PDB file of N, CA and C in Angstrom:
ATOM      1  N   MET A   1       1.140   0.123  16.344  1.00  0.00           N
ATOM      2  CA  MET A   1       0.623  -0.388  14.917  1.00  0.00           C
ATOM      3  C   MET A   1       2.209  -0.844  14.964  1.00  0.00           C
ATOM      4  N   SER A   2       2.219  -2.399  14.371  1.00  0.00           N
ATOM      5  CA  SER A   2       2.728  -3.626  14.187  1.00  0.00           C
ATOM      6  C   SER A   2       4.397  -2.454  13.205  1.00  0.00           C
ATOM      7  N   GLU A   3       5.646  -3.177  13.304  1.00  0.00           N
ATOM      8  CA  GLU A   3       6.464  -2.880  12.522  1.00  0.00           C
ATOM      9  C   GLU A   3       6.607  -3.030  10.851  1.00  0.00           C
ATOM     10  N   LEU A   4       5.300  -3.976  10.330  1.00  0.00           N
ATOM     11  CA  LEU A   4       5.195  -4.441   9.405  1.00  0.00           C
ATOM     12  C   LEU A   4       4.255  -2.939   8.894  1.00  0.00           C
ATOM     13  N   GLN A   5       3.158  -2.661   9.200  1.00  0.00           N
ATOM     14  CA  GLN A   5       2.700  -1.941   9.318  1.00  0.00           C
ATOM     15  C   GLN A   5       2.943  -0.558   9.265  1.00  0.00           C
ATOM     16  N   ALA A   6       4.094  -0.410  10.616  1.00  0.00           N
ATOM     17  CA  ALA A   6       4.877   0.997  10.509  1.00  0.00           C
ATOM     18  C   ALA A   6       5.056   1.032   8.449  1.00  0.00           C
ATOM     19  N   THR A   7       5.747  -0.160   8.157  1.00  0.00           N
ATOM     20  CA  THR A   7       6.799  -0.187   7.168  1.00  0.00           C
ATOM     21  C   THR A   7       5.566   0.623   5.908  1.00  0.00           C
ATOM     22  N   ILE A   8       4.584  -0.058   5.849  1.00  0.00           N
ATOM     23  CA  ILE A   8       4.055   0.175   4.630  1.00  0.00           C
ATOM     24  C   ILE A   8       3.104   1.221   4.397  1.00  0.00           C
ATOM     25  N   THR A   9       2.746   1.809   6.080  1.00  0.00           N
ATOM     26  CA  THR A   9       2.125   3.136   5.338  1.00  0.00           C
ATOM     27  C   THR A   9       3.488   4.344   5.626  1.00  0.00           C
ATOM     28  N   THR A  10       4.833   3.988   5.884  1.00  0.00           N
ATOM     29  CA  THR A  10       5.775   4.939   4.839  1.00  0.00           C
ATOM     30  C   THR A  10       5.775   4.722   3.731  1.00  0.00           C
ATOM     31  N   LEU A  11       5.669   3.052   3.289  1.00  0.00           N
ATOM     32  CA  LEU A  11       5.705   3.386   2.093  1.00  0.00           C
ATOM     33  C   LEU A  11       4.994   4.030   1.188  1.00  0.00           C
ATOM     34  N   VAL A  12       3.288   3.545   1.769  1.00  0.00           N
ATOM     35  CA  VAL A  12       2.250   4.389   0.935  1.00  0.00           C
ATOM     36  C   VAL A  12       2.408   5.914   1.216  1.00  0.00           C
ATOM     37  N   HIS A  13       2.937   6.296   2.330  1.00  0.00           N
ATOM     38  CA  HIS A  13       3.028   7.918   1.967  1.00  0.00           C
ATOM     39  C   HIS A  13       3.961   8.588   1.079  1.00  0.00           C
ATOM     40  N   GLU A  14       4.875   7.897   0.803  1.00  0.00           N
ATOM     41  CA  GLU A  14       6.339   8.333  -0.503  1.00  0.00           C
ATOM     42  C   GLU A  14       6.288   7.565  -1.174  1.00  0.00           C
ATOM     43  N   THR A  15       4.759   6.929  -1.696  1.00  0.00           N
ATOM     44  CA  THR A  15       4.708   6.922  -3.203  1.00  0.00           C
ATOM     45  C   THR A  15       3.297   7.529  -3.553  1.00  0.00           C
ATOM     46  N   ILE A  16       2.544   8.182  -2.593  1.00  0.00           N
ATOM     47  CA  ILE A  16       2.002   9.019  -2.738  1.00  0.00           C
ATOM     48  C   ILE A  16       2.567  10.082  -3.005  1.00  0.00           C
ATOM     49  N   LYS A  17       3.323  10.821  -2.214  1.00  0.00           N
ATOM     50  CA  LYS A  17       3.773  12.036  -2.167  1.00  0.00           C
ATOM     51  C   LYS A  17       4.884  11.685  -3.863  1.00  0.00           C
ATOM     52  N   SER A  18       5.715  10.829  -4.052  1.00  0.00           N
ATOM     53  CA  SER A  18       6.256  10.904  -5.553  1.00  0.00           C
ATOM     54  C   SER A  18       4.851  10.916  -6.204  1.00  0.00           C
ATOM     55  N   SER A  19       3.801  10.414  -5.688  1.00  0.00           N
ATOM     56  CA  SER A  19       3.099  10.250  -8.139  1.00  0.00           C
ATOM     57  C   SER A  19       2.732  11.332  -7.899  1.00  0.00           C
ATOM     58  N   SER A  20       2.007  12.026  -6.617  1.00  0.00           N
ATOM     59  CA  SER A  20       1.030  13.474  -7.089  1.00  0.00           C
ATOM     60  C   SER A  20       2.002  14.317  -5.900  1.00  0.00           C
ATOM     61  N   GLY A  21       2.326  14.428  -5.549  1.00  0.00           N
ATOM     62  CA  GLY A  21       2.863  15.750  -4.980  1.00  0.00           C
ATOM     63  C   GLY A  21       3.377  15.879  -3.696  1.00  0.00           C
ATOM     64  N   ARG A  22       1.666  15.511  -3.294  1.00  0.00           N
ATOM     65  CA  ARG A  22       0.597  15.521  -1.985  1.00  0.00           C
ATOM     66  C   ARG A  22       1.523  15.076  -0.791  1.00  0.00           C
ATOM     67  N   GLU A  23       1.577  16.048   0.197  1.00  0.00           N
ATOM     68  CA  GLU A  23       2.009  15.911   1.807  1.00  0.00           C
ATOM     69  C   GLU A  23       1.108  15.012   2.487  1.00  0.00           C
ATOM     70  N   VAL A  24       1.238  13.946   2.157  1.00  0.00           N
ATOM     71  CA  VAL A  24      -0.117  13.289   3.057  1.00  0.00           C
ATOM     72  C   VAL A  24      -0.360  12.446   4.496  1.00  0.00           C
ATOM     73  N   GLU A  25      -0.852  12.717   5.935  1.00  0.00           N
ATOM     74  CA  GLU A  25      -1.003  12.155   7.155  1.00  0.00           C
ATOM     75  C   GLU A  25      -1.581  10.985   7.072  1.00  0.00           C
ATOM     76  N   LEU A  26      -1.072   9.810   7.259  1.00  0.00           N
ATOM     77  CA  LEU A  26      -1.316   8.829   7.297  1.00  0.00           C
ATOM     78  C   LEU A  26      -1.269   8.043   8.730  1.00  0.00           C
ATOM     79  N   THR A  27      -2.310   7.319   8.579  1.00  0.00           N
ATOM     80  CA  THR A  27      -2.396   6.010   9.957  1.00  0.00           C
ATOM     81  C   THR A  27      -2.240   4.728   8.998  1.00  0.00           C
ATOM     82  N   ALA A  28      -2.406   3.955  10.516  1.00  0.00           N
ATOM     83  CA  ALA A  28      -2.889   3.061   9.505  1.00  0.00           C
ATOM     84  C   ALA A  28      -3.888   2.428   9.104  1.00  0.00           C
ATOM     85  N   GLU A  29      -5.235   3.747   9.256  1.00  0.00           N
ATOM     86  CA  GLU A  29      -6.563   2.922   9.272  1.00  0.00           C
ATOM     87  C   GLU A  29      -6.961   3.766   8.251  1.00  0.00           C
ATOM     88  N   THR A  30      -6.555   4.925   7.769  1.00  0.00           N
ATOM     89  CA  THR A  30      -6.131   6.176   7.183  1.00  0.00           C
ATOM     90  C   THR A  30      -6.870   5.894   5.000  1.00  0.00           C
ATOM     91  N   PRO A  31      -8.273   5.856   5.800  1.00  0.00           N
ATOM     92  CA  PRO A  31      -8.355   5.877   4.320  1.00  0.00           C
ATOM     93  C   PRO A  31      -7.744   6.169   2.947  1.00  0.00           C
ATOM     94  N   LEU A  32      -7.624   5.259   1.286  1.00  0.00           N
ATOM     95  CA  LEU A  32      -6.443   5.244   0.497  1.00  0.00           C
ATOM     96  C   LEU A  32      -8.035   5.719  -0.043  1.00  0.00           C
ATOM     97  N   LEU A  33      -8.900   4.791  -0.324  1.00  0.00           N
ATOM     98  CA  LEU A  33      -9.086   4.939  -2.110  1.00  0.00           C
ATOM     99  C   LEU A  33     -10.636   6.111  -2.075  1.00  0.00           C
ATOM    100  N   ASP A  34     -11.089   6.006  -0.898  1.00  0.00           N
ATOM    101  CA  ASP A  34     -12.320   6.832  -0.559  1.00  0.00           C
ATOM    102  C   ASP A  34     -11.712   8.670  -0.263  1.00  0.00           C
ATOM    103  N   THR A  35     -10.157   8.531   0.093  1.00  0.00           N
ATOM    104  CA  THR A  35     -10.039   9.864   0.170  1.00  0.00           C
ATOM    105  C   THR A  35      -9.197  10.156  -1.719  1.00  0.00           C
ATOM    106  N   GLY A  36      -9.349   9.031  -2.503  1.00  0.00           N
ATOM    107  CA  GLY A  36      -8.655   9.449  -3.547  1.00  0.00           C
ATOM    108  C   GLY A  36      -6.729   8.991  -3.452  1.00  0.00           C
ATOM    109  N   TYR A  37      -6.500   8.704  -1.953  1.00  0.00           N
ATOM    110  CA  TYR A  37      -4.771   8.792  -2.002  1.00  0.00           C
ATOM    111  C   TYR A  37      -4.292   8.087  -3.147  1.00  0.00           C
ATOM    112  N   LEU A  38      -5.094   6.841  -3.509  1.00  0.00           N
ATOM    113  CA  LEU A  38      -4.713   5.624  -4.128  1.00  0.00           C
ATOM    114  C   LEU A  38      -4.962   6.127  -5.576  1.00  0.00           C
ATOM    115  N   ASP A  39      -4.991   6.752  -6.789  1.00  0.00           N
ATOM    116  CA  ASP A  39      -5.712   6.444  -7.433  1.00  0.00           C
ATOM    117  C   ASP A  39      -4.830   5.019  -9.101  1.00  0.00           C
ATOM    118  N   SER A  40      -4.838   5.079  -9.884  1.00  0.00           N
ATOM    119  CA  SER A  40      -4.806   4.362 -10.820  1.00  0.00           C
ATOM    120  C   SER A  40      -3.267   4.337 -11.314  1.00  0.00           C
ATOM    121  N   LEU A  41      -2.812   4.992 -11.432  1.00  0.00           N
ATOM    122  CA  LEU A  41      -1.410   5.101 -11.515  1.00  0.00           C
ATOM    123  C   LEU A  41      -0.605   4.947 -10.178  1.00  0.00           C
ATOM    124  N   THR A  42      -0.585   6.047  -9.301  1.00  0.00           N
ATOM    125  CA  THR A  42      -0.292   5.919  -7.996  1.00  0.00           C
ATOM    126  C   THR A  42      -0.351   4.183  -7.400  1.00  0.00           C
ATOM    127  N   LEU A  43      -1.525   3.456  -7.415  1.00  0.00           N
ATOM    128  CA  LEU A  43      -1.823   1.479  -7.400  1.00  0.00           C
ATOM    129  C   LEU A  43      -1.300   1.126  -7.827  1.00  0.00           C
ATOM    130  N   LEU A  44      -0.338   1.378  -9.289  1.00  0.00           N
ATOM    131  CA  LEU A  44       0.663   0.507  -9.946  1.00  0.00           C
ATOM    132  C   LEU A  44       1.783   0.885  -9.867  1.00  0.00           C
ATOM    133  N   ARG A  45       1.599   2.417  -8.674  1.00  0.00           N
ATOM    134  CA  ARG A  45       3.910   1.763  -8.536  1.00  0.00           C
ATOM    135  C   ARG A  45       3.259   2.073  -7.105  1.00  0.00           C
ATOM    136  N   LEU A  46       2.258   1.658  -6.325  1.00  0.00           N
ATOM    137  CA  LEU A  46       2.619   1.056  -4.976  1.00  0.00           C
ATOM    138  C   LEU A  46       3.091  -0.235  -5.057  1.00  0.00           C
ATOM    139  N   LEU A  47       2.035  -1.111  -5.675  1.00  0.00           N
ATOM    140  CA  LEU A  47       2.410  -2.242  -6.149  1.00  0.00           C
ATOM    141  C   LEU A  47       3.946  -2.632  -6.522  1.00  0.00           C
ATOM    142  N   ALA A  48       4.405  -2.032  -7.110  1.00  0.00           N
ATOM    143  CA  ALA A  48       5.850  -1.633  -8.275  1.00  0.00           C
ATOM    144  C   ALA A  48       6.500  -1.631  -6.610  1.00  0.00           C
ATOM    145  N   GLU A  49       6.101  -0.953  -5.709  1.00  0.00           N
ATOM    146  CA  GLU A  49       7.083  -0.445  -4.771  1.00  0.00           C
ATOM    147  C   GLU A  49       6.981  -2.061  -3.500  1.00  0.00           C
ATOM    148  N   LEU A  50       5.636  -2.016  -3.179  1.00  0.00           N
ATOM    149  CA  LEU A  50       5.719  -3.065  -2.521  1.00  0.00           C
ATOM    150  C   LEU A  50       6.649  -4.668  -3.087  1.00  0.00           C
ATOM    151  N   GLN A  51       6.405  -5.223  -4.267  1.00  0.00           N
ATOM    152  CA  GLN A  51       7.036  -6.515  -4.741  1.00  0.00           C
ATOM    153  C   GLN A  51       9.159  -6.064  -4.399  1.00  0.00           C
ATOM    154  N   GLU A  52       8.899  -4.678  -4.612  1.00  0.00           N
ATOM    155  CA  GLU A  52      10.442  -4.310  -4.499  1.00  0.00           C
ATOM    156  C   GLU A  52      10.608  -4.747  -3.342  1.00  0.00           C
ATOM    157  N   ALA A  53      10.215  -3.939  -2.272  1.00  0.00           N
ATOM    158  CA  ALA A  53      10.673  -4.011  -0.795  1.00  0.00           C
ATOM    159  C   ALA A  53      10.524  -5.531  -0.264  1.00  0.00           C
ATOM    160  N   PHE A  54       9.565  -6.250  -0.646  1.00  0.00           N
ATOM    161  CA  PHE A  54       9.142  -7.047   0.249  1.00  0.00           C
ATOM    162  C   PHE A  54       9.557  -8.758  -0.536  1.00  0.00           C
ATOM    163  N   GLY A  55       9.329  -8.276  -1.656  1.00  0.00           N
ATOM    164  CA  GLY A  55       9.369  -9.592  -2.920  1.00  0.00           C
ATOM    165  C   GLY A  55       9.040 -10.496  -2.329  1.00  0.00           C
ATOM    166  N   ILE A  56       7.011  -9.440  -2.139  1.00  0.00           N
ATOM    167  CA  ILE A  56       6.203 -10.728  -2.981  1.00  0.00           C
ATOM    168  C   ILE A  56       5.506 -10.461  -3.983  1.00  0.00           C
ATOM    169  N   ASP A  57       4.957 -11.401  -4.623  1.00  0.00           N
ATOM    170  CA  ASP A  57       3.956 -11.898  -6.100  1.00  0.00           C
ATOM    171  C   ASP A  57       2.868 -11.748  -5.806  1.00  0.00           C
ATOM    172  N   LEU A  58       2.783 -10.009  -5.935  1.00  0.00           N
ATOM    173  CA  LEU A  58       0.660  -9.393  -6.229  1.00  0.00           C
ATOM    174  C   LEU A  58       0.399 -10.095  -7.329  1.00  0.00           C
ATOM    175  N   ASP A  59      -1.065 -11.386  -7.304  1.00  0.00           N
ATOM    176  CA  ASP A  59      -1.571 -11.190  -8.820  1.00  0.00           C
ATOM    177  C   ASP A  59      -2.649 -10.617  -8.311  1.00  0.00           C
ATOM    178  N   VAL A  60      -3.329 -10.836  -9.544  1.00  0.00           N
ATOM    179  CA  VAL A  60      -3.875  -9.685  -9.770  1.00  0.00           C
ATOM    180  C   VAL A  60      -5.583 -10.050  -9.230  1.00  0.00           C
ATOM    181  N   THR A  61      -5.663 -10.860  -8.896  1.00  0.00           N
ATOM    182  CA  THR A  61      -6.562 -11.440  -7.790  1.00  0.00           C
ATOM    183  C   THR A  61      -6.407 -10.449  -6.612  1.00  0.00           C
ATOM    184  N   ASP A  62      -5.127  -9.789  -6.191  1.00  0.00           N
ATOM    185  CA  ASP A  62      -4.214  -9.834  -4.504  1.00  0.00           C
ATOM    186  C   ASP A  62      -4.831  -8.103  -4.365  1.00  0.00           C
ATOM    187  N   VAL A  63      -5.396  -7.516  -6.255  1.00  0.00           N
ATOM    188  CA  VAL A  63      -5.526  -6.116  -5.570  1.00  0.00           C
ATOM    189  C   VAL A  63      -7.218  -6.022  -5.756  1.00  0.00           C
ATOM    190  N   THR A  64      -7.686  -6.211  -4.498  1.00  0.00           N
ATOM    191  CA  THR A  64      -9.301  -5.416  -4.254  1.00  0.00           C
ATOM    192  C   THR A  64      -8.622  -4.121  -3.801  1.00  0.00           C
ATOM    193  N   GLU A  65     -10.562  -4.010  -3.885  1.00  0.00           N
ATOM    194  CA  GLU A  65     -10.682  -2.269  -3.286  1.00  0.00           C
ATOM    195  C   GLU A  65     -10.805  -2.196  -0.932  1.00  0.00           C
ATOM    196  N   ASP A  66     -10.668  -4.016  -0.893  1.00  0.00           N
ATOM    197  CA  ASP A  66     -10.350  -4.178   0.630  1.00  0.00           C
ATOM    198  C   ASP A  66      -9.191  -4.205   0.910  1.00  0.00           C
ATOM    199  N   ALA A  67      -8.868  -5.044   0.116  1.00  0.00           N
ATOM    200  CA  ALA A  67      -7.065  -5.374   0.919  1.00  0.00           C
ATOM    201  C   ALA A  67      -6.064  -3.703   0.107  1.00  0.00           C
ATOM    202  N   PHE A  68      -6.637  -3.085  -0.316  1.00  0.00           N
ATOM    203  CA  PHE A  68      -5.788  -1.473  -0.635  1.00  0.00           C
ATOM    204  C   PHE A  68      -6.577  -0.692   0.315  1.00  0.00           C
ATOM    205  N   ALA A  69      -8.192  -0.816   0.760  1.00  0.00           N
ATOM    206  CA  ALA A  69      -8.212   0.403   1.390  1.00  0.00           C
ATOM    207  C   ALA A  69      -7.724   0.756   2.310  1.00  0.00           C
ATOM    208  N   THR A  70      -6.707   0.339   3.374  1.00  0.00           N
ATOM    209  CA  THR A  70      -6.124   1.434   4.159  1.00  0.00           C
ATOM    210  C   THR A  70      -4.254   0.820   4.518  1.00  0.00           C
ATOM    211  N   PRO A  71      -3.105   1.138   4.581  1.00  0.00           N
ATOM    212  CA  PRO A  71      -2.293   1.420   4.998  1.00  0.00           C
ATOM    213  C   PRO A  71      -2.241  -0.542   6.095  1.00  0.00           C
ATOM    214  N   GLY A  72      -3.114  -0.460   6.812  1.00  0.00           N
ATOM    215  CA  GLY A  72      -3.161  -1.413   7.624  1.00  0.00           C
ATOM    216  C   GLY A  72      -4.324  -2.530   6.784  1.00  0.00           C
ATOM    217  N   ALA A  73      -5.178  -2.135   5.746  1.00  0.00           N
ATOM    218  CA  ALA A  73      -5.034  -4.009   5.184  1.00  0.00           C
ATOM    219  C   ALA A  73      -4.385  -4.161   3.678  1.00  0.00           C
ATOM    220  N   ILE A  74      -3.511  -3.368   3.687  1.00  0.00           N
ATOM    221  CA  ILE A  74      -2.159  -3.130   3.008  1.00  0.00           C
ATOM    222  C   ILE A  74      -1.197  -4.745   3.646  1.00  0.00           C
ATOM    223  N   ALA A  75      -0.631  -4.369   4.651  1.00  0.00           N
ATOM    224  CA  ALA A  75       0.110  -4.818   5.654  1.00  0.00           C
ATOM    225  C   ALA A  75      -1.022  -6.226   5.659  1.00  0.00           C
ATOM    226  N   LYS A  76      -2.374  -6.735   5.454  1.00  0.00           N
ATOM    227  CA  LYS A  76      -2.767  -7.400   5.883  1.00  0.00           C
ATOM    228  C   LYS A  76      -2.552  -8.856   4.954  1.00  0.00           C
ATOM    229  N   ALA A  77      -2.886  -7.988   3.412  1.00  0.00           N
ATOM    230  CA  ALA A  77      -2.846  -8.868   2.324  1.00  0.00           C
ATOM    231  C   ALA A  77      -1.423  -9.303   2.025  1.00  0.00           C
ATOM    232  N   ALA A  78      -0.406  -8.257   2.338  1.00  0.00           N
ATOM    233  CA  ALA A  78       1.386  -8.679   2.289  1.00  0.00           C
ATOM    234  C   ALA A  78       1.356  -9.634   2.770  1.00  0.00           C
ATOM    235  N   ARG A  79       1.026 -10.111   3.939  1.00  0.00           N
ATOM    236  CA  ARG A  79       1.231 -11.326   4.370  1.00  0.00           C
ATOM    237  C   ARG A  79       0.733 -12.271   4.496  1.00  0.00           C
ATOM    238  N   VAL A  80       0.084 -12.568   3.466  1.00  0.00           N
ATOM    239  CA  VAL A  80      -0.895 -13.560   2.726  1.00  0.00           C
ATOM    240  C   VAL A  80      -0.506 -14.636   1.666  1.00  0.00           C
ATOM    241  N   CYS A  81       0.556 -13.012   0.904  1.00  0.00           N
ATOM    242  CA  CYS A  81       1.275 -13.517  -0.843  1.00  0.00           C
ATOM    243  C   CYS A  81       1.567 -14.234  -0.417  1.00  0.00           C
ATOM    244  N   PRO A  82       2.416 -15.035  -1.525  1.00  0.00           N
ATOM    245  CA  PRO A  82       3.129 -15.741  -2.077  1.00  0.00           C
ATOM    246  C   PRO A  82       4.577 -14.642  -2.070  1.00  0.00           C
ATOM    247  N   GLY A  83       5.684 -15.059  -0.601  1.00  0.00           N
ATOM    248  CA  GLY A  83       6.864 -14.345  -0.553  1.00  0.00           C
ATOM    249  C   GLY A  83       6.959 -13.682   0.127  1.00  0.00           C
ATOM    250  N   ALA A  84       5.775 -13.486   1.314  1.00  0.00           N
ATOM    251  CA  ALA A  84       5.435 -12.057   1.407  1.00  0.00           C
ATOM    252  C   ALA A  84       5.802 -12.543   3.306  1.00  0.00           C
ATOM    253  N   VAL A  85       6.352 -11.498   3.636  1.00  0.00           N
ATOM    254  CA  VAL A  85       7.101 -11.830   4.549  1.00  0.00           C
ATOM    255  C   VAL A  85       7.048 -12.240   6.122  1.00  0.00           C
TER     256      VAL A  85
END
């Protein structure tokens, strides 16, 4: 797992925990949408956290099912966003 994937996986974990109170085990390949870990409210919080942590400018077109399917997919999407790390 790359450093970016590890950082995003931790950020996703913390966002899920603060949003839902659930303690979840995540890897870079853990499904987030299919498991229900990311609901609409948690996704909005995660977007805000990603923008704050990495200074990336996410457009609504960047928020796709594929881009947020796993922490690894989020890391891949973050690399190509304006202002990306």
